[in-house]
Amino acid sequence: MLKILVALSLIASSSLFSTCYAQTCNSHTFSSNQNFATCNDLPYLNSFLYWNYDQATGKLQMAFRQTGVTSSTWVSWAINPTAAQMPGSQCLVAYPKSDGTPHVYTSPIGNSYSTSLAEGNLTYQVSDLTATYQNSEMVIFATWSLPTTTATINQVWQSGPLSGGNPGQHGSAAANLNSKGTVNLLSGQTQSQAGGNSRTRKRNIHGVLNAVSWGILMPLGAIIARYLKVFKSADPAWFYLHITCQTSAYIIGVAGWATGLKLGSDNGKIQYDAHRNIGITLFCLGTLQVFALLLRPKPDHKYRLYWNIYHHTVGYVVIILSIINIFKGLDILDPEKKWKDSYIGIIIALGAIAVLLEAYTWFIVLKRKRSEGKVQYNGTNGVNGHGARQQQGV
């Protein structure tokens, strides 16, 4: 049964990750049959860049595509002549109008982070500016006239909510703050300016540690304890697997919790109270579970029933709070959509496995009880019958 459980988990995970990575710039075909020699999967905000570049003339024919765009979202792609940053960017902006058709225009940003993305002329000449919006996907097409000496450009891309039919302020999540970098128009190589950001790395490490520990290992350990112990051949292996899984989850989880505290102290005025408070609660409950193992009564002890009720209740509370807090963390980190989809897929897979095992173990238990009842009934009749026959013989 353990082999079946592991196999199902691996199959679910492999199919999930293959689905996540299927969305690339190379796999996309534009409905307008436009072809681009080079494309790049941008690391944030579900975005992709396509282009043809003729350095001799300085003509940059490009398309910027972003998926998961709602009817109340604006998107933008920009070239910054001086640095990979928002101030000074020369932007192409698009958003869906009330009738569903896209409105696309140019917008220069001054030397400030405060902007309303108002329409205006850019320092570069832009022609053939169009946009398409369908299937929750916005694509901006344009042709830029760049200096013929241009090989590498600073790019900035962004998305945010519409407010009163106009672009509003974009979010402050890591994906929004890190959506910038450079792109070599000749070689196709891109570099994200967030690549060396130690704070971003710490946030990502914090997220991975907690997702793996509290969000995956903890539920998996509970599944092992609940279902494998039904099988006599798995005793006592299920117990040691359960302890190993939960102990590993706790150790990794404490490391993730500690990085979270450090990130919180470095955040200054920006605090995520709900996420932090749930994290502290999880640490306390997890620590109680570890110490509870040291006080676990023997199976025949009169207090064992109460210990079981406590252990199971706290365990399920930890799992529920863990999943809730991981989704809160994902909302804060705002990574690419595939990571959130991956975790959702893993939770669905674990839930499906639990449902199947729940039904199967109930079948085994009921079958075992019927078998034991039948043996007891036959044994009783046999004794009485044998005695009756002896009496008749006398």
Protein backbone atom coordinates (compact mmCIF):
# COMPACT_ATOMS: atom_id res chain seq x y z
CA MET A 1 0.00 0.00 0.00
CA LEU A 2 2.90 2.36 0.73
CA LYS A 3 4.26 1.75 -2.77
CA ILE A 4 0.84 2.58 -4.24
CA LEU A 5 0.69 5.80 -2.20
CA VAL A 6 4.14 6.90 -3.32
CA ALA A 7 3.44 5.99 -6.94
CA LEU A 8 0.19 7.97 -6.99
CA SER A 9 1.95 10.99 -5.49
CA LEU A 10 4.74 10.84 -8.07
CA ILE A 11 2.30 10.48 -10.96
CA ALA A 12 0.22 13.41 -9.75
CA SER A 13 3.28 15.59 -9.21
CA SER A 14 4.87 14.76 -12.57
CA SER A 15 1.69 15.44 -14.52
CA LEU A 16 1.16 18.64 -12.57
CA PHE A 17 4.61 20.06 -13.22
CA SER A 18 4.54 19.06 -16.87
CA THR A 19 1.30 21.03 -17.21
CA CYS A 20 2.81 24.04 -15.48
CA TYR A 21 5.81 24.18 -17.76
CA ALA A 22 3.80 23.70 -20.93
CA GLN A 23 3.08 27.46 -21.10
CA THR A 24 6.16 28.93 -22.83
CA CYS A 25 6.72 31.61 -25.45
CA ASN A 26 7.82 29.02 -28.03
CA SER A 27 4.55 27.10 -27.77
CA HIS A 28 2.40 30.12 -28.61
CA THR A 29 1.07 31.00 -32.06
CA PHE A 30 -0.41 34.44 -32.67
CA SER A 31 -3.86 34.58 -34.24
CA SER A 32 -2.65 37.33 -36.58
CA ASN A 33 -0.04 34.88 -37.96
CA GLN A 34 2.77 37.22 -36.99
CA ASN A 35 6.13 35.51 -36.63
CA PHE A 36 8.99 36.58 -34.39
CA ALA A 37 12.55 35.34 -34.58
CA THR A 38 13.21 35.57 -30.84
CA CYS A 39 11.12 35.25 -27.70
CA ASN A 40 11.66 35.08 -23.98
CA ASP A 41 9.66 33.85 -20.98
CA LEU A 42 9.76 36.74 -18.54
CA PRO A 43 10.21 35.63 -14.91
CA TYR A 44 7.26 37.49 -13.39
CA LEU A 45 3.59 38.30 -13.96
CA ASN A 46 2.91 35.51 -16.50
CA SER A 47 4.50 37.56 -19.25
CA PHE A 48 6.30 36.85 -22.53
CA LEU A 49 8.28 39.02 -24.95
CA TYR A 50 8.66 38.42 -28.70
CA TRP A 51 10.68 40.45 -31.18
CA ASN A 52 12.38 40.92 -34.53
CA TYR A 53 15.26 43.39 -34.55
CA ASP A 54 17.17 44.91 -37.43
CA GLN A 55 20.10 46.78 -35.93
CA ALA A 56 21.02 48.34 -39.28
CA THR A 57 17.76 50.29 -39.30
CA GLY A 58 17.07 50.28 -35.55
CA LYS A 59 13.60 48.82 -36.14
CA LEU A 60 12.32 46.72 -33.24
CA GLN A 61 9.13 44.86 -34.08
CA MET A 62 7.82 43.37 -30.84
CA ALA A 63 4.89 41.81 -29.04
CA PHE A 64 4.32 41.71 -25.30
CA ARG A 65 1.92 39.03 -24.06
CA GLN A 66 0.50 38.61 -20.56
CA THR A 67 -1.88 35.83 -19.52
CA GLY A 68 -4.46 35.77 -16.73
CA VAL A 69 -5.61 39.32 -17.50
CA THR A 70 -9.10 40.17 -16.25
CA SER A 71 -11.48 42.79 -17.61
CA SER A 72 -10.43 45.10 -14.76
CA THR A 73 -6.66 44.87 -15.30
CA TRP A 74 -4.18 47.03 -17.20
CA VAL A 75 -0.83 45.79 -18.52
CA SER A 76 2.26 47.63 -19.65
CA TRP A 77 5.65 47.06 -21.23
CA ALA A 78 8.31 49.76 -21.40
CA ILE A 79 11.81 50.62 -22.49
CA ASN A 80 13.83 52.76 -20.11
CA PRO A 81 16.69 54.64 -21.83
CA THR A 82 18.78 54.96 -18.65
CA ALA A 83 18.12 52.11 -16.19
CA ALA A 84 15.92 49.11 -15.47
CA GLN A 85 13.49 51.04 -13.30
CA MET A 86 10.07 52.63 -13.43
CA PRO A 87 11.08 56.35 -13.39
CA GLY A 88 11.92 57.47 -16.91
CA SER A 89 10.26 54.49 -18.60
CA GLN A 90 8.65 54.86 -22.01
CA CYS A 91 5.53 52.72 -21.77
CA LEU A 92 3.05 50.91 -23.93
CA VAL A 93 -0.18 50.51 -21.95
CA ALA A 94 -3.30 48.46 -22.70
CA TYR A 95 -6.48 47.54 -20.90
CA PRO A 96 -9.92 46.15 -21.85
CA LYS A 97 -12.68 48.68 -22.39
CA SER A 98 -16.26 48.09 -21.22
CA ASP A 99 -17.13 46.47 -24.56
CA GLY A 100 -14.22 44.03 -24.25
CA THR A 101 -12.03 45.60 -26.92
CA PRO A 102 -8.55 46.74 -25.84
CA HIS A 103 -7.49 50.36 -25.51
CA VAL A 104 -3.77 50.77 -26.19
CA TYR A 105 -1.64 53.90 -26.03
CA THR A 106 1.80 55.29 -25.16
CA SER A 107 2.65 56.84 -21.80
CA PRO A 108 5.95 58.43 -20.70
CA ILE A 109 6.83 58.29 -17.00
CA GLY A 110 8.75 61.17 -15.48
CA ASN A 111 11.59 60.93 -13.00
CA SER A 112 9.25 59.84 -10.22
CA TYR A 113 7.53 56.69 -9.00
CA SER A 114 4.23 58.56 -8.97
CA THR A 115 2.35 58.25 -12.25
CA SER A 116 -1.20 57.89 -13.53
CA LEU A 117 0.00 56.41 -16.85
CA ALA A 118 -1.54 59.30 -18.75
CA GLU A 119 -1.36 59.25 -22.53
CA GLY A 120 1.57 61.07 -24.11
CA ASN A 121 4.35 60.90 -26.68
CA LEU A 122 7.49 58.87 -26.04
CA THR A 123 11.11 59.80 -26.60
CA TYR A 124 11.18 56.98 -29.16
CA GLN A 125 9.06 56.86 -32.28
CA VAL A 126 6.47 54.08 -32.05
CA SER A 127 4.33 52.87 -34.95
CA ASP A 128 1.93 50.00 -35.71
CA LEU A 129 0.65 50.14 -32.14
CA THR A 130 -2.21 47.65 -31.68
CA ALA A 131 -3.47 45.23 -29.05
CA THR A 132 -5.64 42.13 -28.78
CA TYR A 133 -7.57 40.84 -25.80
CA GLN A 134 -9.11 37.39 -25.79
CA ASN A 135 -9.18 34.34 -23.53
CA SER A 136 -7.89 36.42 -20.59
CA GLU A 137 -4.76 37.24 -22.58
CA MET A 138 -3.56 40.72 -23.55
CA VAL A 139 -1.05 41.18 -26.38
CA ILE A 140 0.51 44.53 -27.32
CA PHE A 141 2.11 44.87 -30.76
CA ALA A 142 4.37 47.77 -31.73
CA THR A 143 7.34 48.79 -33.84
CA TRP A 144 10.00 50.94 -32.16
CA SER A 145 12.59 53.12 -33.88
CA LEU A 146 15.77 52.79 -31.82
CA PRO A 147 19.27 54.20 -32.33
CA THR A 148 21.22 51.91 -34.65
CA THR A 149 23.85 51.47 -31.93
CA THR A 150 21.32 49.77 -29.65
CA ALA A 151 22.06 46.17 -28.70
CA THR A 152 20.75 45.90 -25.13
CA ILE A 153 17.72 47.66 -23.70
CA ASN A 154 16.32 48.10 -20.20
CA GLN A 155 12.81 46.67 -20.01
CA VAL A 156 10.08 47.11 -17.42
CA TRP A 157 6.73 45.33 -17.48
CA GLN A 158 3.81 45.65 -15.13
CA SER A 159 0.12 45.05 -14.45
CA GLY A 160 -2.39 46.52 -12.06
CA PRO A 161 -6.08 47.18 -11.41
CA LEU A 162 -8.31 49.63 -13.22
CA SER A 163 -9.81 52.36 -11.07
CA GLY A 164 -12.74 54.24 -12.51
CA GLY A 165 -11.86 53.00 -15.98
CA ASN A 166 -8.26 54.24 -15.71
CA PRO A 167 -5.02 52.51 -14.63
CA GLY A 168 -4.65 52.43 -10.87
CA GLN A 169 -1.59 51.80 -8.72
CA HIS A 170 0.00 48.39 -9.22
CA GLY A 171 0.64 46.03 -6.31
CA SER A 172 3.73 45.97 -4.12
CA ALA A 173 4.25 42.21 -4.17
CA ALA A 174 7.65 40.80 -5.11
CA ALA A 175 6.54 39.99 -8.66
CA ASN A 176 5.47 43.59 -9.27
CA LEU A 177 8.62 45.07 -7.77
CA ASN A 178 10.96 42.70 -9.62
CA SER A 179 9.42 42.86 -13.11
CA LYS A 180 12.36 44.63 -14.71
CA GLY A 181 15.66 43.75 -16.32
CA THR A 182 17.71 43.92 -19.48
CA VAL A 183 17.38 42.15 -22.82
CA ASN A 184 20.01 41.77 -25.51
CA LEU A 185 18.09 42.22 -28.75
CA LEU A 186 20.81 40.49 -30.76
CA SER A 187 21.54 37.39 -28.67
CA GLY A 188 18.13 37.09 -27.04
CA GLN A 189 19.62 36.85 -23.56
CA THR A 190 17.72 38.52 -20.74
CA GLN A 191 18.66 39.30 -17.19
CA SER A 192 16.32 40.09 -14.34
CA GLN A 193 17.46 42.84 -12.01
CA ALA A 194 15.94 40.87 -9.14
CA GLY A 195 18.31 37.95 -9.71
CA GLY A 196 20.81 39.19 -7.16
CA ASN A 197 18.28 40.54 -4.71
CA SER A 198 19.06 38.80 -1.43
CA ARG A 199 15.75 39.83 0.09
CA THR A 200 13.83 38.21 -2.75
CA ARG A 201 15.88 35.04 -2.30
CA LYS A 202 15.06 35.02 1.41
CA ARG A 203 11.35 35.40 0.68
CA ASN A 204 11.50 32.56 -1.83
CA ILE A 205 13.43 30.33 0.59
CA HIS A 206 10.88 31.11 3.30
CA GLY A 207 8.04 30.19 0.98
CA VAL A 208 9.60 26.94 -0.24
CA LEU A 209 10.53 25.74 3.26
CA ASN A 210 7.04 26.32 4.61
CA ALA A 211 5.22 24.93 1.58
CA VAL A 212 7.25 21.71 1.70
CA SER A 213 7.06 21.27 5.49
CA TRP A 214 3.72 22.52 6.75
CA GLY A 215 1.93 22.29 3.42
CA ILE A 216 3.05 18.91 2.05
CA LEU A 217 4.94 16.78 4.59
CA MET A 218 2.45 17.42 7.41
CA PRO A 219 -0.62 16.25 5.42
CA LEU A 220 1.38 13.33 4.00
CA GLY A 221 2.38 12.24 7.52
CA ALA A 222 -1.26 12.36 8.62
CA ILE A 223 -2.29 10.23 5.63
CA ILE A 224 0.36 7.65 6.52
CA ALA A 225 -0.78 7.46 10.15
CA ARG A 226 -4.48 7.27 9.39
CA TYR A 227 -4.47 4.71 6.61
CA LEU A 228 -1.35 2.54 6.71
CA LYS A 229 -1.90 1.38 10.28
CA VAL A 230 -5.04 -0.41 9.14
CA PHE A 231 -2.84 -2.93 7.35
CA LYS A 232 -1.30 -5.42 9.77
CA SER A 233 1.71 -5.92 7.51
CA ALA A 234 2.55 -2.20 7.84
CA ASP A 235 2.87 -2.37 11.63
CA PRO A 236 5.08 -0.88 13.08
CA ALA A 237 6.57 0.58 9.88
CA TRP A 238 3.68 3.06 9.53
CA PHE A 239 4.50 4.54 12.95
CA TYR A 240 8.16 5.18 12.11
CA LEU A 241 7.22 6.60 8.71
CA HIS A 242 4.71 8.89 10.41
CA ILE A 243 7.25 10.06 13.00
CA THR A 244 9.94 10.59 10.35
CA CYS A 245 7.61 12.58 8.11
CA GLN A 246 6.22 14.78 10.89
CA THR A 247 9.60 15.35 12.55
CA SER A 248 11.13 16.36 9.21
CA ALA A 249 8.18 18.66 8.59
CA TYR A 250 8.63 20.27 12.00
CA ILE A 251 12.38 20.82 11.62
CA ILE A 252 12.04 22.28 8.11
CA GLY A 253 9.01 24.26 9.25
CA VAL A 254 10.91 25.82 12.15
CA ALA A 255 13.61 26.92 9.70
CA GLY A 256 10.93 28.48 7.50
CA TRP A 257 9.29 30.10 10.52
CA ALA A 258 12.61 31.60 11.62
CA THR A 259 13.26 33.09 8.17
CA GLY A 260 9.75 34.53 8.31
CA LEU A 261 10.45 36.26 11.62
CA LYS A 262 13.65 37.71 10.17
CA LEU A 263 11.82 38.95 7.08
CA GLY A 264 9.14 40.48 9.29
CA SER A 265 11.70 42.36 11.37
CA ASP A 266 13.36 43.67 8.20
CA ASN A 267 10.08 44.81 6.69
CA GLY A 268 9.77 47.85 8.90
CA LYS A 269 6.29 49.33 8.64
CA ILE A 270 5.08 46.76 6.09
CA GLN A 271 3.63 43.90 8.12
CA TYR A 272 1.42 40.97 7.18
CA ASP A 273 -0.30 40.44 10.52
CA ALA A 274 -2.61 37.56 9.62
CA HIS A 275 0.18 35.58 7.94
CA ARG A 276 2.55 36.21 10.84
CA ASN A 277 0.02 35.35 13.57
CA ILE A 278 -1.00 32.09 11.89
CA GLY A 279 2.68 31.23 11.51
CA ILE A 280 3.33 31.78 15.22
CA THR A 281 0.26 29.69 16.09
CA LEU A 282 1.50 26.87 13.86
CA PHE A 283 4.91 26.92 15.52
CA CYS A 284 3.33 26.69 18.98
CA LEU A 285 0.95 23.87 18.03
CA GLY A 286 3.69 22.01 16.19
CA THR A 287 5.96 22.25 19.22
CA LEU A 288 3.16 20.94 21.44
CA GLN A 289 2.77 17.96 19.12
CA VAL A 290 6.47 17.16 19.40
CA PHE A 291 6.41 17.29 23.20
CA ALA A 292 3.19 15.28 23.25
CA LEU A 293 5.13 12.33 21.83
CA LEU A 294 7.22 12.27 25.00
CA LEU A 295 4.04 12.03 27.09
CA ARG A 296 2.25 9.47 24.93
CA PRO A 297 0.56 6.88 27.21
CA LYS A 298 0.76 3.18 26.42
CA PRO A 299 -2.07 1.76 24.29
CA ASP A 300 -3.83 0.16 27.29
CA HIS A 301 -3.49 3.21 29.56
CA LYS A 302 -6.75 4.77 30.76
CA TYR A 303 -5.69 8.22 29.50
CA ARG A 304 -4.70 7.02 26.02
CA LEU A 305 -8.16 7.82 24.59
CA TYR A 306 -7.90 11.45 25.72
CA TRP A 307 -4.36 11.72 24.36
CA ASN A 308 -5.55 10.41 20.99
CA ILE A 309 -8.36 12.98 20.86
CA TYR A 310 -5.91 15.78 21.66
CA HIS A 311 -3.25 14.54 19.21
CA HIS A 312 -5.66 14.11 16.30
CA THR A 313 -7.49 17.39 16.91
CA VAL A 314 -4.33 19.48 17.11
CA GLY A 315 -2.88 17.64 14.11
CA TYR A 316 -5.84 18.41 11.87
CA VAL A 317 -5.95 22.03 13.06
CA VAL A 318 -2.26 22.37 12.14
CA ILE A 319 -2.88 20.98 8.65
CA ILE A 320 -5.85 23.29 7.99
CA LEU A 321 -4.03 26.39 9.28
CA SER A 322 -0.92 25.42 7.30
CA ILE A 323 -2.77 25.28 4.00
CA ILE A 324 -4.55 28.58 4.72
CA ASN A 325 -1.27 30.29 5.62
CA ILE A 326 0.54 28.99 2.55
CA PHE A 327 -2.10 30.56 0.32
CA LYS A 328 -1.73 33.80 2.27
CA GLY A 329 2.01 33.59 1.68
CA LEU A 330 1.49 32.98 -2.02
CA ASP A 331 -0.69 36.08 -2.19
CA ILE A 332 2.11 38.08 -0.55
CA LEU A 333 4.89 36.68 -2.73
CA ASP A 334 2.69 36.78 -5.84
CA PRO A 335 4.90 34.38 -7.81
CA GLU A 336 4.19 33.18 -11.32
CA LYS A 337 0.79 31.54 -11.59
CA LYS A 338 2.31 28.10 -12.20
CA TRP A 339 3.64 27.90 -8.63
CA LYS A 340 0.25 28.51 -7.05
CA ASP A 341 -1.32 26.09 -9.52
CA SER A 342 1.34 23.54 -8.59
CA TYR A 343 0.53 23.72 -4.90
CA ILE A 344 -3.21 23.57 -5.58
CA GLY A 345 -2.59 20.48 -7.70
CA ILE A 346 -0.53 18.81 -4.95
CA ILE A 347 -3.24 19.48 -2.35
CA ILE A 348 -5.91 18.13 -4.70
CA ALA A 349 -3.76 15.03 -5.33
CA LEU A 350 -3.25 14.43 -1.60
CA GLY A 351 -6.97 14.96 -0.99
CA ALA A 352 -7.91 12.52 -3.73
CA ILE A 353 -5.48 9.92 -2.36
CA ALA A 354 -6.96 10.40 1.13
CA VAL A 355 -10.52 9.92 -0.17
CA LEU A 356 -9.57 6.73 -2.02
CA LEU A 357 -7.70 5.34 0.98
CA GLU A 358 -10.56 6.30 3.31
CA ALA A 359 -12.98 4.23 1.25
CA TYR A 360 -10.54 1.35 0.88
CA THR A 361 -9.61 1.18 4.56
CA TRP A 362 -13.28 1.27 5.60
CA PHE A 363 -13.85 -1.66 3.25
CA ILE A 364 -10.95 -3.55 4.86
CA VAL A 365 -12.12 -2.78 8.42
CA LEU A 366 -15.73 -3.79 7.77
CA LYS A 367 -14.63 -6.94 5.98
CA ARG A 368 -12.32 -7.80 8.88
CA LYS A 369 -15.10 -7.25 11.43
CA ARG A 370 -17.50 -9.45 9.48
CA SER A 371 -14.84 -12.13 9.24
CA GLU A 372 -14.07 -11.99 12.96
CA GLY A 373 -17.77 -12.07 13.83
CA LYS A 374 -18.31 -15.10 11.62
CA VAL A 375 -15.39 -16.97 13.19
CA GLN A 376 -16.67 -16.22 16.68
CA TYR A 377 -20.20 -17.33 15.75
CA ASN A 378 -18.99 -20.58 14.17
CA GLY A 379 -16.70 -21.29 17.10
CA THR A 380 -19.53 -20.90 19.59
CA ASN A 381 -21.84 -23.19 17.63
CA GLY A 382 -19.10 -25.76 17.29
CA VAL A 383 -18.55 -26.01 21.04
CA ASN A 384 -22.23 -26.16 21.83
CA GLY A 385 -22.94 -28.60 19.07
CA HIS A 386 -20.11 -30.86 20.11
CA GLY A 387 -21.32 -30.82 23.69
CA ALA A 388 -24.87 -31.59 22.61
CA ARG A 389 -23.74 -34.52 20.52
CA GLN A 390 -21.78 -35.92 23.48
CA GLN A 391 -24.80 -35.59 25.69
CA GLN A 392 -26.93 -37.38 23.17
CA GLY A 393 -24.32 -40.12 22.91
CA VAL A 394 -24.47 -40.70 26.64
